[in-house]
Amino acid sequence: MSVPLTLLGLLEREPSHGYDLKRDYDAVFGRGKPLPSGQVYATLGRLARDGKVVVGEAEAGAGPDRKRYVITEQGATEFEAWLTEPVEAEPHLQTVLFAKVVLALMLGRDAARYLDTQRAAHLRRMRELMEIKRAGGMVDALLADHGLFHLESDLRWIDLTAARLDALAEAVRS
């Protein structure tokens, strides 16, 4: 997730205060991992330094003075370019799951036990995502589906790898 580009996208919608950007980011993109306030303001500072946003006059509020951030033409151009580029196709061939299995086999350790533990962790996460999907709205359901599809794919790979452990062990030890 690109925080700077996401903030630029939120600013393209309308000029906003940092507090409002954090609230909007967390409401849509921060599910389970809210964006720290310090990161919002540090990112906005870098975007301003790089000419992608401008900072308006400080406005009095219920707390400290608030600054309104406005996207610049340069920021809008960068956001548009990012938005139209396809996301790099996943997965990469060298995943952590793969590395752990191969290293366990190379070292004569129990890769089947690791795969069983990983399968259980994936199933737990799938149950959590199903509950999010059941209890949440459309945005939550789509995010949960994205995670579920990735976990299902991993589970198929785990099952296939478990069935081939002997052959894989022979291949990596030779």
Protein backbone atom coordinates (compact mmCIF):
# COMPACT_ATOMS: atom_id res chain seq x y z
CA MET A 1 0.00 0.00 0.00
CA SER A 2 1.46 3.34 -1.00
CA VAL A 3 0.51 5.80 1.72
CA PRO A 4 1.76 8.89 -0.16
CA LEU A 5 -0.17 8.02 -3.31
CA THR A 6 -3.28 7.09 -1.35
CA LEU A 7 -3.16 10.44 0.46
CA LEU A 8 -2.76 12.19 -2.89
CA GLY A 9 -5.86 10.36 -4.10
CA LEU A 10 -7.82 11.48 -1.04
CA LEU A 11 -6.62 15.04 -1.63
CA GLU A 12 -7.64 14.91 -5.28
CA ARG A 13 -11.18 14.36 -4.05
CA GLU A 14 -11.01 17.54 -1.94
CA PRO A 15 -8.52 19.64 0.04
CA SER A 16 -8.34 18.31 3.60
CA HIS A 17 -6.74 18.68 6.99
CA GLY A 18 -4.31 16.00 8.14
CA TYR A 19 -6.79 14.82 10.76
CA ASP A 20 -9.47 14.33 8.10
CA LEU A 21 -7.04 12.48 5.83
CA LYS A 22 -6.14 10.09 8.65
CA ARG A 23 -9.81 9.50 9.45
CA ASP A 24 -10.70 8.82 5.80
CA TYR A 25 -7.64 6.60 5.25
CA ASP A 26 -8.37 4.55 8.36
CA ALA A 27 -12.07 4.20 7.48
CA VAL A 28 -11.40 2.72 4.04
CA PHE A 29 -7.80 1.48 3.87
CA GLY A 30 -6.69 1.04 7.47
CA ARG A 31 -8.82 -1.93 8.39
CA GLY A 32 -6.92 -3.63 11.19
CA LYS A 33 -3.90 -1.38 10.70
CA PRO A 34 -4.70 2.30 11.22
CA LEU A 35 -2.25 4.85 9.91
CA PRO A 36 -0.25 6.50 12.72
CA SER A 37 -0.84 10.26 12.93
CA GLY A 38 2.89 10.91 12.82
CA GLN A 39 3.13 9.04 9.53
CA VAL A 40 0.31 11.14 8.05
CA TYR A 41 2.04 14.41 8.88
CA ALA A 42 5.51 13.18 7.93
CA THR A 43 4.15 12.00 4.58
CA LEU A 44 2.32 15.29 4.01
CA GLY A 45 5.55 17.13 4.82
CA ARG A 46 7.46 15.13 2.19
CA LEU A 47 4.68 15.63 -0.35
CA ALA A 48 4.82 19.39 0.29
CA ARG A 49 8.62 19.41 0.07
CA ASP A 50 8.43 17.58 -3.27
CA GLY A 51 5.82 19.99 -4.67
CA LYS A 52 2.96 17.47 -4.76
CA VAL A 53 0.80 19.30 -2.21
CA VAL A 54 0.67 22.83 -0.89
CA VAL A 55 -0.13 23.73 2.66
CA GLY A 56 -2.80 26.37 3.18
CA GLU A 57 -3.00 28.91 5.95
CA ALA A 58 -3.42 27.60 9.48
CA GLU A 59 -7.06 27.62 10.59
CA ALA A 60 -8.28 27.82 14.15
CA GLY A 61 -10.07 24.73 15.34
CA ALA A 62 -11.19 22.98 18.50
CA GLY A 63 -7.57 22.11 19.23
CA PRO A 64 -4.31 23.20 17.67
CA ASP A 65 -4.45 25.22 14.46
CA ARG A 66 -5.13 23.01 11.48
CA LYS A 67 -3.60 23.25 8.03
CA ARG A 68 -5.51 22.40 4.91
CA TYR A 69 -3.56 20.43 2.28
CA VAL A 70 -4.26 20.86 -1.44
CA ILE A 71 -2.94 18.62 -4.20
CA THR A 72 -0.85 20.35 -6.88
CA GLU A 73 -0.82 19.65 -10.61
CA GLN A 74 2.40 17.66 -10.11
CA GLY A 75 0.76 15.60 -7.37
CA ALA A 76 -2.36 15.02 -9.48
CA THR A 77 -0.23 13.93 -12.44
CA GLU A 78 1.74 11.47 -10.29
CA PHE A 79 -1.45 10.10 -8.75
CA GLU A 80 -3.07 9.65 -12.18
CA ALA A 81 0.00 7.81 -13.49
CA TRP A 82 -0.02 5.51 -10.44
CA LEU A 83 -3.76 4.90 -10.70
CA THR A 84 -3.57 3.83 -14.33
CA GLU A 85 -0.58 1.47 -13.92
CA PRO A 86 -1.45 -2.16 -13.30
CA VAL A 87 -0.36 -3.64 -9.99
CA GLU A 88 2.58 -6.01 -10.36
CA ALA A 89 1.26 -9.51 -10.86
CA GLU A 90 1.68 -11.62 -7.76
CA PRO A 91 2.94 -13.89 -6.48
CA HIS A 92 6.66 -13.73 -6.75
CA LEU A 93 8.29 -17.10 -7.18
CA GLN A 94 10.40 -16.80 -4.04
CA THR A 95 7.87 -16.54 -1.22
CA VAL A 96 8.55 -16.85 2.49
CA LEU A 97 6.46 -20.03 2.56
CA PHE A 98 8.60 -21.59 -0.14
CA ALA A 99 11.86 -20.51 1.50
CA LYS A 100 10.88 -21.96 4.87
CA VAL A 101 9.91 -25.32 3.39
CA VAL A 102 13.09 -25.60 1.31
CA LEU A 103 15.35 -24.54 4.18
CA ALA A 104 13.65 -26.97 6.55
CA LEU A 105 14.26 -29.78 4.06
CA MET A 106 17.85 -28.73 3.41
CA LEU A 107 18.52 -28.79 7.14
CA GLY A 108 16.79 -32.12 7.72
CA ARG A 109 14.00 -30.55 9.75
CA ASP A 110 10.32 -31.42 9.76
CA ALA A 111 8.86 -29.44 6.87
CA ALA A 112 5.54 -31.30 7.17
CA ARG A 113 5.10 -29.93 10.68
CA TYR A 114 5.81 -26.42 9.43
CA LEU A 115 3.24 -26.87 6.65
CA ASP A 116 0.66 -28.14 9.16
CA THR A 117 1.29 -25.15 11.42
CA GLN A 118 1.01 -22.77 8.48
CA ARG A 119 -2.20 -24.44 7.31
CA ALA A 120 -3.73 -23.98 10.77
CA ALA A 121 -2.71 -20.30 10.81
CA HIS A 122 -4.25 -19.76 7.37
CA LEU A 123 -7.49 -21.47 8.42
CA ARG A 124 -7.69 -19.28 11.55
CA ARG A 125 -7.24 -16.16 9.43
CA MET A 126 -9.85 -17.39 6.96
CA ARG A 127 -12.37 -17.76 9.81
CA GLU A 128 -11.58 -14.19 10.91
CA LEU A 129 -12.05 -12.90 7.37
CA MET A 130 -15.34 -14.78 7.00
CA GLU A 131 -16.61 -13.06 10.14
CA ILE A 132 -15.51 -9.67 8.80
CA LYS A 133 -17.27 -10.46 5.54
CA ARG A 134 -20.43 -11.55 7.34
CA ALA A 135 -20.62 -8.59 9.73
CA GLY A 136 -19.24 -5.81 7.54
CA GLY A 137 -20.40 -3.77 4.61
CA MET A 138 -19.45 -3.95 0.95
CA VAL A 139 -15.93 -2.56 1.42
CA ASP A 140 -15.21 -5.03 4.22
CA ALA A 141 -16.60 -7.91 2.16
CA LEU A 142 -14.43 -7.09 -0.85
CA LEU A 143 -11.31 -6.74 1.28
CA ALA A 144 -12.11 -10.00 3.04
CA ASP A 145 -12.67 -11.77 -0.29
CA HIS A 146 -9.29 -10.56 -1.54
CA GLY A 147 -7.59 -12.02 1.52
CA LEU A 148 -9.62 -15.22 1.36
CA PHE A 149 -8.70 -15.88 -2.26
CA HIS A 150 -5.00 -15.46 -1.47
CA LEU A 151 -5.26 -17.77 1.53
CA GLU A 152 -7.14 -20.38 -0.50
CA SER A 153 -4.37 -20.33 -3.07
CA ASP A 154 -1.75 -20.73 -0.35
CA LEU A 155 -3.68 -23.67 1.11
CA ARG A 156 -3.75 -25.42 -2.26
CA TRP A 157 0.02 -24.86 -2.52
CA ILE A 158 0.55 -26.17 1.03
CA ASP A 159 -1.42 -29.35 0.22
CA LEU A 160 0.44 -29.88 -3.05
CA THR A 161 3.81 -29.30 -1.39
CA ALA A 162 2.98 -31.64 1.49
CA ALA A 163 2.19 -34.35 -1.06
CA ARG A 164 5.56 -33.76 -2.77
CA LEU A 165 7.80 -33.34 0.28
CA ASP A 166 9.83 -36.50 -0.31
CA ALA A 167 10.61 -35.56 -3.92
CA LEU A 168 11.35 -31.95 -2.95
CA ALA A 169 13.65 -33.08 -0.15
CA GLU A 170 15.59 -35.21 -2.61
CA ALA A 171 15.84 -32.34 -5.09
CA VAL A 172 17.10 -29.75 -2.57
CA ARG A 173 19.58 -32.08 -0.86
CA SER A 174 21.31 -33.14 -4.08
